[in-house]
N, C-alpha and C. Protein backbone atom coordinates (compact mmCIF):
# COMPACT_ATOMS: atom_id res chain seq x y z
N MET A 1 -13.85 -8.64 -9.58
CA MET A 1 -12.74 -7.98 -8.93
C MET A 1 -11.85 -7.36 -10.01
N GLU A 2 -11.34 -6.19 -9.72
CA GLU A 2 -10.39 -5.54 -10.63
C GLU A 2 -8.99 -6.05 -10.31
N ALA A 3 -8.18 -6.25 -11.35
CA ALA A 3 -6.81 -6.72 -11.14
C ALA A 3 -5.93 -6.27 -12.30
N ASP A 4 -4.70 -5.92 -11.98
CA ASP A 4 -3.74 -5.52 -13.00
C ASP A 4 -2.33 -5.82 -12.48
N TRP A 5 -1.37 -5.72 -13.37
CA TRP A 5 0.01 -6.00 -13.01
C TRP A 5 0.94 -5.09 -13.81
N GLU A 6 2.17 -4.98 -13.36
CA GLU A 6 3.18 -4.20 -14.08
C GLU A 6 4.57 -4.60 -13.60
N PHE A 7 5.58 -4.21 -14.38
CA PHE A 7 6.98 -4.40 -14.01
C PHE A 7 7.52 -3.09 -13.47
N GLU A 8 8.29 -3.14 -12.40
CA GLU A 8 9.09 -2.02 -11.89
C GLU A 8 10.45 -2.61 -11.55
N VAL A 9 11.31 -2.74 -12.55
CA VAL A 9 12.58 -3.42 -12.33
C VAL A 9 13.80 -2.59 -12.71
N GLY A 10 13.61 -1.43 -13.27
CA GLY A 10 14.75 -0.67 -13.76
C GLY A 10 15.23 0.41 -12.81
N GLY A 11 16.45 0.84 -13.03
CA GLY A 11 17.02 2.01 -12.34
C GLY A 11 16.78 2.06 -10.86
N ASP A 12 16.08 3.10 -10.43
CA ASP A 12 15.84 3.36 -9.02
C ASP A 12 14.54 2.74 -8.50
N ALA A 13 13.98 1.80 -9.24
CA ALA A 13 12.73 1.17 -8.80
C ALA A 13 12.94 0.48 -7.46
N PRO A 14 11.93 0.50 -6.60
CA PRO A 14 12.05 -0.20 -5.32
C PRO A 14 12.32 -1.69 -5.53
N MET A 15 13.04 -2.27 -4.58
CA MET A 15 13.33 -3.70 -4.61
C MET A 15 12.72 -4.35 -3.37
N ILE A 16 12.48 -5.64 -3.46
CA ILE A 16 11.99 -6.39 -2.32
C ILE A 16 13.19 -6.87 -1.53
N ASP A 17 13.30 -6.40 -0.31
CA ASP A 17 14.38 -6.85 0.58
C ASP A 17 13.85 -8.05 1.36
N ALA A 18 14.23 -9.23 0.90
CA ALA A 18 13.68 -10.46 1.47
C ALA A 18 13.99 -10.62 2.95
N TYR A 19 15.12 -10.14 3.38
CA TYR A 19 15.52 -10.35 4.78
C TYR A 19 15.81 -9.01 5.46
N TRP A 20 14.87 -8.07 5.36
CA TRP A 20 15.03 -6.76 5.97
C TRP A 20 15.13 -6.91 7.49
N SER A 21 15.52 -5.84 8.17
CA SER A 21 15.83 -5.92 9.60
C SER A 21 14.64 -6.37 10.47
N GLY A 22 13.42 -6.12 10.06
CA GLY A 22 12.25 -6.54 10.83
C GLY A 22 11.63 -7.83 10.34
N PHE A 23 12.33 -8.56 9.47
CA PHE A 23 11.80 -9.79 8.87
C PHE A 23 11.45 -10.83 9.93
N VAL A 24 10.26 -11.41 9.79
CA VAL A 24 9.83 -12.52 10.63
C VAL A 24 9.56 -13.68 9.68
N ASP A 25 10.29 -14.76 9.85
CA ASP A 25 10.15 -15.93 8.98
C ASP A 25 8.90 -16.71 9.37
N LEU A 26 7.81 -16.41 8.68
CA LEU A 26 6.53 -17.04 9.00
C LEU A 26 6.45 -18.47 8.48
N ARG A 27 7.39 -18.85 7.63
CA ARG A 27 7.45 -20.25 7.18
C ARG A 27 7.90 -21.12 8.34
N SER A 28 8.91 -20.68 9.05
CA SER A 28 9.46 -21.46 10.16
C SER A 28 8.73 -21.22 11.48
N HIS A 29 8.12 -20.04 11.61
CA HIS A 29 7.47 -19.66 12.86
C HIS A 29 6.06 -19.11 12.60
N PRO A 30 5.14 -19.93 12.13
CA PRO A 30 3.80 -19.44 11.78
C PRO A 30 3.03 -18.83 12.95
N LYS A 31 3.31 -19.25 14.16
CA LYS A 31 2.60 -18.69 15.32
C LYS A 31 2.94 -17.22 15.56
N ARG A 32 4.03 -16.76 14.97
CA ARG A 32 4.43 -15.36 15.16
C ARG A 32 3.55 -14.40 14.36
N ILE A 33 2.67 -14.92 13.53
CA ILE A 33 1.74 -14.06 12.78
C ILE A 33 0.97 -13.17 13.74
N SER A 34 0.57 -13.72 14.87
CA SER A 34 -0.21 -12.95 15.84
C SER A 34 0.58 -11.80 16.45
N GLU A 35 1.91 -11.83 16.34
CA GLU A 35 2.74 -10.74 16.86
C GLU A 35 2.75 -9.53 15.92
N LEU A 36 2.39 -9.73 14.67
CA LEU A 36 2.44 -8.64 13.70
C LEU A 36 1.27 -7.70 13.92
N SER A 37 1.56 -6.43 14.11
CA SER A 37 0.48 -5.46 14.35
C SER A 37 -0.48 -5.40 13.17
N GLU A 38 0.02 -5.62 11.97
CA GLU A 38 -0.84 -5.58 10.78
C GLU A 38 -1.90 -6.68 10.82
N SER A 39 -1.54 -7.84 11.33
CA SER A 39 -2.51 -8.94 11.38
C SER A 39 -3.58 -8.70 12.44
N ARG A 40 -3.26 -7.92 13.43
CA ARG A 40 -4.27 -7.56 14.43
C ARG A 40 -5.15 -6.41 13.93
N GLU A 41 -4.58 -5.54 13.10
CA GLU A 41 -5.29 -4.36 12.60
C GLU A 41 -6.28 -4.69 11.49
N LEU A 42 -5.97 -5.70 10.70
CA LEU A 42 -6.77 -5.97 9.51
C LEU A 42 -7.35 -7.39 9.55
N PRO A 43 -8.67 -7.50 9.64
CA PRO A 43 -9.29 -8.83 9.62
C PRO A 43 -8.91 -9.58 8.34
N GLY A 44 -8.59 -10.83 8.50
CA GLY A 44 -8.27 -11.66 7.34
C GLY A 44 -6.80 -11.72 6.99
N LEU A 45 -6.01 -10.74 7.41
CA LEU A 45 -4.60 -10.72 7.02
C LEU A 45 -3.83 -11.87 7.67
N ALA A 46 -4.13 -12.19 8.92
CA ALA A 46 -3.43 -13.29 9.58
C ALA A 46 -3.65 -14.60 8.84
N ASP A 47 -4.89 -14.86 8.43
CA ASP A 47 -5.20 -16.07 7.68
C ASP A 47 -4.49 -16.07 6.33
N THR A 48 -4.47 -14.92 5.67
CA THR A 48 -3.77 -14.79 4.39
C THR A 48 -2.29 -15.10 4.55
N LEU A 49 -1.64 -14.51 5.54
CA LEU A 49 -0.21 -14.74 5.76
C LEU A 49 0.06 -16.21 6.11
N SER A 50 -0.83 -16.80 6.87
CA SER A 50 -0.67 -18.20 7.23
C SER A 50 -0.71 -19.09 5.98
N LYS A 51 -1.68 -18.86 5.11
CA LYS A 51 -1.82 -19.67 3.90
C LYS A 51 -0.69 -19.41 2.90
N LEU A 52 -0.28 -18.15 2.76
CA LEU A 52 0.79 -17.83 1.80
C LEU A 52 2.14 -18.38 2.23
N ASN A 53 2.32 -18.58 3.54
CA ASN A 53 3.59 -19.10 4.04
C ASN A 53 3.56 -20.59 4.37
N ALA A 54 2.43 -21.24 4.13
CA ALA A 54 2.30 -22.67 4.40
C ALA A 54 3.21 -23.47 3.47
N ALA A 55 3.57 -24.65 3.89
CA ALA A 55 4.51 -25.50 3.13
C ALA A 55 4.02 -25.77 1.71
N GLU A 56 2.72 -25.89 1.51
CA GLU A 56 2.19 -26.20 0.17
C GLU A 56 2.03 -24.97 -0.73
N SER A 57 2.27 -23.79 -0.18
CA SER A 57 2.16 -22.57 -0.97
C SER A 57 3.36 -22.42 -1.91
N PRO A 58 3.14 -21.91 -3.12
CA PRO A 58 4.26 -21.70 -4.03
C PRO A 58 5.07 -20.44 -3.71
N VAL A 59 4.59 -19.64 -2.74
CA VAL A 59 5.26 -18.39 -2.39
C VAL A 59 5.50 -18.32 -0.89
N TRP A 60 6.26 -17.33 -0.49
CA TRP A 60 6.42 -16.97 0.92
C TRP A 60 6.45 -15.45 0.99
N THR A 61 6.17 -14.90 2.16
CA THR A 61 6.09 -13.45 2.31
C THR A 61 7.28 -12.93 3.09
N SER A 62 7.72 -11.72 2.71
CA SER A 62 8.83 -11.13 3.45
C SER A 62 8.42 -9.86 4.19
N LYS A 63 7.34 -9.22 3.75
CA LYS A 63 6.93 -7.98 4.40
C LYS A 63 5.48 -7.69 4.06
N THR A 64 4.80 -7.02 4.97
CA THR A 64 3.43 -6.57 4.73
C THR A 64 3.21 -5.29 5.51
N ASP A 65 2.25 -4.52 5.05
CA ASP A 65 1.86 -3.32 5.78
C ASP A 65 0.43 -2.98 5.42
N VAL A 66 -0.26 -2.31 6.32
CA VAL A 66 -1.63 -1.85 6.11
C VAL A 66 -1.58 -0.33 6.06
N PHE A 67 -2.34 0.25 5.13
CA PHE A 67 -2.33 1.70 5.00
C PHE A 67 -3.66 2.20 4.46
N THR A 68 -3.86 3.51 4.58
CA THR A 68 -5.03 4.16 4.01
C THR A 68 -4.60 4.84 2.72
N PRO A 69 -5.16 4.46 1.60
CA PRO A 69 -4.79 5.10 0.33
C PRO A 69 -5.16 6.58 0.36
N GLU A 70 -4.35 7.40 -0.31
CA GLU A 70 -4.65 8.83 -0.38
C GLU A 70 -5.99 9.08 -1.03
N ARG A 71 -6.27 8.33 -2.08
CA ARG A 71 -7.57 8.42 -2.75
C ARG A 71 -7.80 7.15 -3.55
N VAL A 72 -9.05 6.86 -3.82
CA VAL A 72 -9.38 5.75 -4.71
C VAL A 72 -10.33 6.26 -5.77
N ASP A 73 -10.20 5.72 -6.95
CA ASP A 73 -11.09 6.03 -8.05
C ASP A 73 -12.22 5.00 -8.02
N PRO A 74 -13.46 5.43 -7.76
CA PRO A 74 -14.56 4.47 -7.68
C PRO A 74 -14.67 3.59 -8.93
N ASP A 75 -14.41 4.15 -10.10
CA ASP A 75 -14.48 3.35 -11.34
C ASP A 75 -13.46 2.21 -11.34
N GLU A 76 -12.28 2.47 -10.79
CA GLU A 76 -11.24 1.43 -10.74
C GLU A 76 -11.53 0.38 -9.68
N MET A 77 -12.50 0.64 -8.85
CA MET A 77 -12.86 -0.29 -7.77
C MET A 77 -14.19 -0.98 -8.05
N GLY A 78 -14.83 -0.64 -9.17
CA GLY A 78 -16.15 -1.20 -9.44
C GLY A 78 -17.15 -0.75 -8.39
N ALA A 79 -17.05 0.53 -7.99
CA ALA A 79 -17.87 1.06 -6.89
C ALA A 79 -18.54 2.36 -7.30
N SER A 80 -19.64 2.67 -6.62
CA SER A 80 -20.25 3.99 -6.76
C SER A 80 -19.50 4.96 -5.85
N ARG A 81 -19.74 6.24 -6.01
CA ARG A 81 -19.09 7.23 -5.12
C ARG A 81 -19.45 6.97 -3.65
N GLU A 82 -20.70 6.61 -3.41
CA GLU A 82 -21.16 6.35 -2.04
C GLU A 82 -20.45 5.14 -1.44
N GLU A 83 -20.08 4.20 -2.30
CA GLU A 83 -19.41 2.99 -1.82
C GLU A 83 -17.90 3.17 -1.67
N ALA A 84 -17.39 4.31 -2.10
CA ALA A 84 -15.95 4.54 -2.07
C ALA A 84 -15.56 5.67 -1.11
N VAL A 85 -16.37 5.90 -0.10
CA VAL A 85 -16.10 6.96 0.88
C VAL A 85 -14.88 6.63 1.73
N PHE A 86 -14.76 5.35 2.13
CA PHE A 86 -13.64 4.90 2.94
C PHE A 86 -12.87 3.84 2.18
N ALA A 87 -11.57 3.83 2.36
CA ALA A 87 -10.74 2.81 1.70
C ALA A 87 -9.64 2.36 2.65
N VAL A 88 -9.23 1.14 2.47
CA VAL A 88 -8.13 0.57 3.24
C VAL A 88 -7.37 -0.35 2.29
N ALA A 89 -6.07 -0.47 2.53
CA ALA A 89 -5.24 -1.28 1.63
C ALA A 89 -4.11 -1.94 2.42
N CYS A 90 -3.52 -2.92 1.79
CA CYS A 90 -2.31 -3.52 2.33
C CYS A 90 -1.42 -3.93 1.17
N TYR A 91 -0.17 -4.12 1.47
CA TYR A 91 0.71 -4.71 0.48
C TYR A 91 1.38 -5.90 1.10
N ILE A 92 1.73 -6.86 0.24
CA ILE A 92 2.41 -8.07 0.68
C ILE A 92 3.53 -8.34 -0.31
N ASP A 93 4.76 -8.40 0.17
CA ASP A 93 5.90 -8.78 -0.68
C ASP A 93 5.95 -10.29 -0.77
N LEU A 94 5.92 -10.80 -2.01
CA LEU A 94 5.89 -12.24 -2.27
C LEU A 94 7.14 -12.68 -3.00
N LEU A 95 7.68 -13.81 -2.58
CA LEU A 95 8.81 -14.42 -3.27
C LEU A 95 8.46 -15.88 -3.54
N LEU A 96 8.95 -16.39 -4.65
CA LEU A 96 8.67 -17.78 -5.00
C LEU A 96 9.55 -18.73 -4.19
N ARG A 97 9.02 -19.87 -3.84
CA ARG A 97 9.78 -20.87 -3.08
C ARG A 97 10.79 -21.58 -3.97
N LYS A 98 10.37 -21.93 -5.18
CA LYS A 98 11.27 -22.60 -6.12
C LYS A 98 10.93 -22.09 -7.51
N ASP A 99 11.71 -22.48 -8.48
CA ASP A 99 11.50 -21.98 -9.85
C ASP A 99 11.41 -20.46 -9.86
N GLN A 100 12.43 -19.83 -9.27
CA GLN A 100 12.44 -18.36 -9.18
C GLN A 100 12.19 -17.72 -10.54
N TRP A 101 11.62 -16.54 -10.51
CA TRP A 101 11.42 -15.77 -11.73
C TRP A 101 12.72 -15.06 -12.08
N THR A 102 13.59 -15.70 -12.80
CA THR A 102 14.76 -15.00 -13.32
C THR A 102 14.49 -14.56 -14.75
N ASP A 103 13.47 -15.13 -15.35
CA ASP A 103 13.07 -14.82 -16.71
C ASP A 103 11.83 -13.91 -16.67
N PRO A 104 11.97 -12.65 -17.08
CA PRO A 104 10.82 -11.74 -17.04
C PRO A 104 9.60 -12.25 -17.80
N SER A 105 9.80 -13.00 -18.88
CA SER A 105 8.64 -13.49 -19.63
C SER A 105 7.85 -14.52 -18.82
N LYS A 106 8.53 -15.28 -17.98
CA LYS A 106 7.85 -16.24 -17.11
C LYS A 106 7.03 -15.48 -16.05
N ALA A 107 7.60 -14.42 -15.50
CA ALA A 107 6.88 -13.61 -14.53
C ALA A 107 5.66 -12.97 -15.17
N GLU A 108 5.83 -12.48 -16.40
CA GLU A 108 4.71 -11.86 -17.11
C GLU A 108 3.57 -12.86 -17.32
N ARG A 109 3.89 -14.06 -17.78
CA ARG A 109 2.86 -15.08 -18.01
C ARG A 109 2.10 -15.38 -16.73
N LYS A 110 2.83 -15.55 -15.63
CA LYS A 110 2.19 -15.88 -14.37
C LYS A 110 1.30 -14.74 -13.89
N CYS A 111 1.77 -13.51 -14.01
CA CYS A 111 0.96 -12.35 -13.59
C CYS A 111 -0.31 -12.24 -14.43
N ARG A 112 -0.19 -12.48 -15.72
CA ARG A 112 -1.38 -12.45 -16.59
C ARG A 112 -2.39 -13.51 -16.16
N GLN A 113 -1.90 -14.71 -15.82
CA GLN A 113 -2.79 -15.78 -15.38
C GLN A 113 -3.48 -15.42 -14.06
N ILE A 114 -2.71 -14.91 -13.13
CA ILE A 114 -3.26 -14.53 -11.82
C ILE A 114 -4.33 -13.46 -12.00
N CYS A 115 -4.03 -12.42 -12.77
CA CYS A 115 -4.99 -11.33 -12.97
C CYS A 115 -6.24 -11.81 -13.69
N ALA A 116 -6.09 -12.69 -14.66
CA ALA A 116 -7.27 -13.22 -15.36
C ALA A 116 -8.17 -13.98 -14.39
N ARG A 117 -7.57 -14.77 -13.51
CA ARG A 117 -8.37 -15.51 -12.52
C ARG A 117 -9.05 -14.55 -11.54
N LEU A 118 -8.32 -13.53 -11.11
CA LEU A 118 -8.91 -12.56 -10.18
C LEU A 118 -10.06 -11.80 -10.82
N ARG A 119 -9.90 -11.39 -12.07
CA ARG A 119 -10.97 -10.67 -12.76
C ARG A 119 -12.22 -11.51 -12.92
N GLY A 120 -12.07 -12.82 -12.90
CA GLY A 120 -13.22 -13.72 -13.02
C GLY A 120 -14.01 -13.88 -11.72
N ILE A 121 -13.54 -13.29 -10.65
CA ILE A 121 -14.21 -13.37 -9.35
C ILE A 121 -15.18 -12.21 -9.22
N ASP A 122 -16.43 -12.51 -8.91
CA ASP A 122 -17.47 -11.49 -8.79
C ASP A 122 -17.39 -10.85 -7.40
N LEU A 123 -16.54 -9.84 -7.29
CA LEU A 123 -16.34 -9.15 -6.02
C LEU A 123 -16.04 -7.69 -6.32
N ARG A 124 -17.02 -6.84 -6.10
CA ARG A 124 -16.87 -5.41 -6.36
C ARG A 124 -16.18 -4.71 -5.19
N ARG A 125 -15.82 -3.45 -5.42
CA ARG A 125 -15.24 -2.57 -4.41
C ARG A 125 -13.87 -3.00 -3.93
N CYS A 126 -13.15 -3.70 -4.79
CA CYS A 126 -11.78 -4.06 -4.43
C CYS A 126 -10.95 -4.29 -5.67
N ARG A 127 -9.64 -4.25 -5.49
CA ARG A 127 -8.74 -4.50 -6.60
C ARG A 127 -7.40 -5.01 -6.08
N VAL A 128 -6.69 -5.70 -6.97
CA VAL A 128 -5.35 -6.19 -6.68
C VAL A 128 -4.44 -5.67 -7.77
N ASP A 129 -3.33 -5.09 -7.38
CA ASP A 129 -2.30 -4.65 -8.31
C ASP A 129 -1.02 -5.38 -7.95
N ILE A 130 -0.47 -6.09 -8.92
CA ILE A 130 0.75 -6.87 -8.71
C ILE A 130 1.89 -6.15 -9.41
N VAL A 131 2.94 -5.86 -8.66
CA VAL A 131 4.11 -5.17 -9.20
C VAL A 131 5.30 -6.11 -9.11
N VAL A 132 5.83 -6.51 -10.27
CA VAL A 132 7.00 -7.38 -10.32
C VAL A 132 8.23 -6.51 -10.05
N ARG A 133 9.07 -6.98 -9.12
CA ARG A 133 10.25 -6.21 -8.71
C ARG A 133 11.46 -7.12 -8.58
N ARG A 134 12.62 -6.51 -8.64
CA ARG A 134 13.85 -7.23 -8.32
C ARG A 134 13.87 -7.47 -6.82
N THR A 135 14.64 -8.47 -6.42
CA THR A 135 14.72 -8.78 -4.99
C THR A 135 16.15 -8.65 -4.49
N LEU A 136 16.26 -8.40 -3.22
CA LEU A 136 17.54 -8.48 -2.54
C LEU A 136 17.53 -9.81 -1.82
N ALA A 137 17.86 -10.85 -2.55
CA ALA A 137 17.87 -12.21 -2.01
C ALA A 137 19.14 -12.89 -2.48
N ALA A 138 19.16 -14.19 -2.48
CA ALA A 138 20.37 -14.95 -2.83
C ALA A 138 20.87 -14.62 -4.23
N ASP A 139 20.00 -14.58 -5.22
CA ASP A 139 20.39 -14.34 -6.61
C ASP A 139 19.90 -12.96 -7.03
N PRO A 140 20.78 -12.06 -7.44
CA PRO A 140 20.35 -10.71 -7.81
C PRO A 140 19.44 -10.67 -9.04
N ASN A 141 19.34 -11.78 -9.78
CA ASN A 141 18.45 -11.83 -10.93
C ASN A 141 17.04 -12.27 -10.58
N ASP A 142 16.82 -12.68 -9.34
CA ASP A 142 15.49 -13.14 -8.92
C ASP A 142 14.50 -11.97 -8.93
N LEU A 143 13.30 -12.30 -9.31
CA LEU A 143 12.21 -11.34 -9.28
C LEU A 143 11.19 -11.82 -8.26
N GLY A 144 10.52 -10.90 -7.64
CA GLY A 144 9.42 -11.18 -6.73
C GLY A 144 8.27 -10.28 -7.12
N ALA A 145 7.29 -10.17 -6.27
CA ALA A 145 6.15 -9.31 -6.57
C ALA A 145 5.62 -8.68 -5.29
N THR A 146 5.21 -7.45 -5.41
CA THR A 146 4.48 -6.79 -4.34
C THR A 146 3.03 -6.74 -4.77
N ALA A 147 2.16 -7.33 -3.95
CA ALA A 147 0.73 -7.31 -4.23
C ALA A 147 0.09 -6.22 -3.39
N TYR A 148 -0.54 -5.26 -4.07
CA TYR A 148 -1.29 -4.21 -3.39
C TYR A 148 -2.76 -4.60 -3.47
N VAL A 149 -3.39 -4.75 -2.32
CA VAL A 149 -4.78 -5.18 -2.25
C VAL A 149 -5.56 -4.04 -1.59
N THR A 150 -6.55 -3.51 -2.31
CA THR A 150 -7.28 -2.33 -1.86
C THR A 150 -8.78 -2.59 -1.91
N ALA A 151 -9.50 -2.06 -0.93
CA ALA A 151 -10.96 -2.19 -0.91
C ALA A 151 -11.56 -0.90 -0.38
N CYS A 152 -12.83 -0.69 -0.73
CA CYS A 152 -13.51 0.51 -0.26
C CYS A 152 -14.92 0.13 0.20
N GLY A 153 -15.54 1.09 0.89
CA GLY A 153 -16.90 0.87 1.37
C GLY A 153 -17.49 2.15 1.92
N PRO A 154 -18.77 2.13 2.26
CA PRO A 154 -19.43 3.32 2.80
C PRO A 154 -18.98 3.64 4.23
N SER A 155 -18.33 2.68 4.90
CA SER A 155 -17.77 2.91 6.24
C SER A 155 -16.42 2.20 6.30
N LEU A 156 -15.61 2.56 7.27
CA LEU A 156 -14.31 1.92 7.44
C LEU A 156 -14.48 0.44 7.78
N VAL A 157 -15.44 0.13 8.61
CA VAL A 157 -15.71 -1.27 8.97
C VAL A 157 -16.07 -2.06 7.72
N ASN A 158 -16.91 -1.47 6.88
CA ASN A 158 -17.32 -2.13 5.64
C ASN A 158 -16.13 -2.31 4.69
N ALA A 159 -15.27 -1.30 4.59
CA ALA A 159 -14.09 -1.39 3.71
C ALA A 159 -13.15 -2.48 4.21
N LYS A 160 -12.95 -2.57 5.52
CA LYS A 160 -12.08 -3.62 6.07
C LYS A 160 -12.66 -5.00 5.83
N ALA A 161 -13.97 -5.13 5.96
CA ALA A 161 -14.61 -6.43 5.71
C ALA A 161 -14.44 -6.82 4.24
N ARG A 162 -14.60 -5.86 3.33
CA ARG A 162 -14.43 -6.16 1.91
C ARG A 162 -12.97 -6.52 1.60
N LEU A 163 -12.04 -5.83 2.27
CA LEU A 163 -10.62 -6.15 2.06
C LEU A 163 -10.32 -7.57 2.53
N ALA A 164 -10.92 -8.00 3.62
CA ALA A 164 -10.74 -9.37 4.09
C ALA A 164 -11.23 -10.36 3.03
N GLU A 165 -12.38 -10.07 2.42
CA GLU A 165 -12.90 -10.94 1.35
C GLU A 165 -11.96 -10.95 0.15
N CYS A 166 -11.44 -9.79 -0.19
CA CYS A 166 -10.52 -9.67 -1.33
C CYS A 166 -9.23 -10.43 -1.05
N LEU A 167 -8.70 -10.31 0.16
CA LEU A 167 -7.49 -11.04 0.54
C LEU A 167 -7.71 -12.55 0.45
N ASP A 168 -8.88 -12.99 0.88
CA ASP A 168 -9.21 -14.40 0.83
C ASP A 168 -9.22 -14.90 -0.61
N ALA A 169 -9.86 -14.14 -1.51
CA ALA A 169 -9.91 -14.53 -2.92
C ALA A 169 -8.52 -14.51 -3.55
N PHE A 170 -7.74 -13.47 -3.25
CA PHE A 170 -6.38 -13.37 -3.76
C PHE A 170 -5.54 -14.56 -3.31
N THR A 171 -5.62 -14.89 -2.04
CA THR A 171 -4.85 -16.00 -1.49
C THR A 171 -5.23 -17.31 -2.16
N GLU A 172 -6.51 -17.53 -2.36
CA GLU A 172 -6.98 -18.75 -3.02
C GLU A 172 -6.38 -18.87 -4.42
N VAL A 173 -6.35 -17.77 -5.16
CA VAL A 173 -5.78 -17.79 -6.51
C VAL A 173 -4.29 -18.09 -6.47
N ILE A 174 -3.57 -17.50 -5.53
CA ILE A 174 -2.12 -17.70 -5.44
C ILE A 174 -1.77 -19.12 -5.01
N VAL A 175 -2.47 -19.62 -4.01
CA VAL A 175 -2.11 -20.91 -3.42
C VAL A 175 -2.60 -22.08 -4.28
N THR A 176 -3.76 -21.91 -4.94
CA THR A 176 -4.31 -22.97 -5.79
C THR A 176 -3.67 -22.92 -7.14
N ARG A 177 -3.16 -24.02 -7.58
CA ARG A 177 -2.47 -24.05 -8.89
C ARG A 177 -3.42 -24.36 -10.00
């Protein structure tokens, strides 16, 4: 699997709004996952959100969305041109439950560890990009991350199935310490 990370914390960079107007607290109300249109649209996303928001998870989610990327580079996906005809992606805003990332070097170390583990997974036609961002939460120094998970395939059904596999692997890496 391809994986990379970066910081977007300066100036006009987007921030993670932990409690935006459409926020659904899946930690307190896990059954509401089925109400999210994204979880119905994308196989595997409901399970991912359930695991990421479980009590034993080190993170919780504040927002997710499913989208079609404008284009994908087959080389960046470990795919041939024929395997990259269709693509689907999602993003998930992640915040830490405790030991918030107020120290950028701590966030960097964790992102490097996550990406190293993801790269060790033999799963082609998908990638994870983690973007560390400032959050609009209790402490303005807190950092969170937006995980962009993208997959491709020769058909849309195939791309969605690969994305479900990629989400499962990503979730396992995040939840398992």
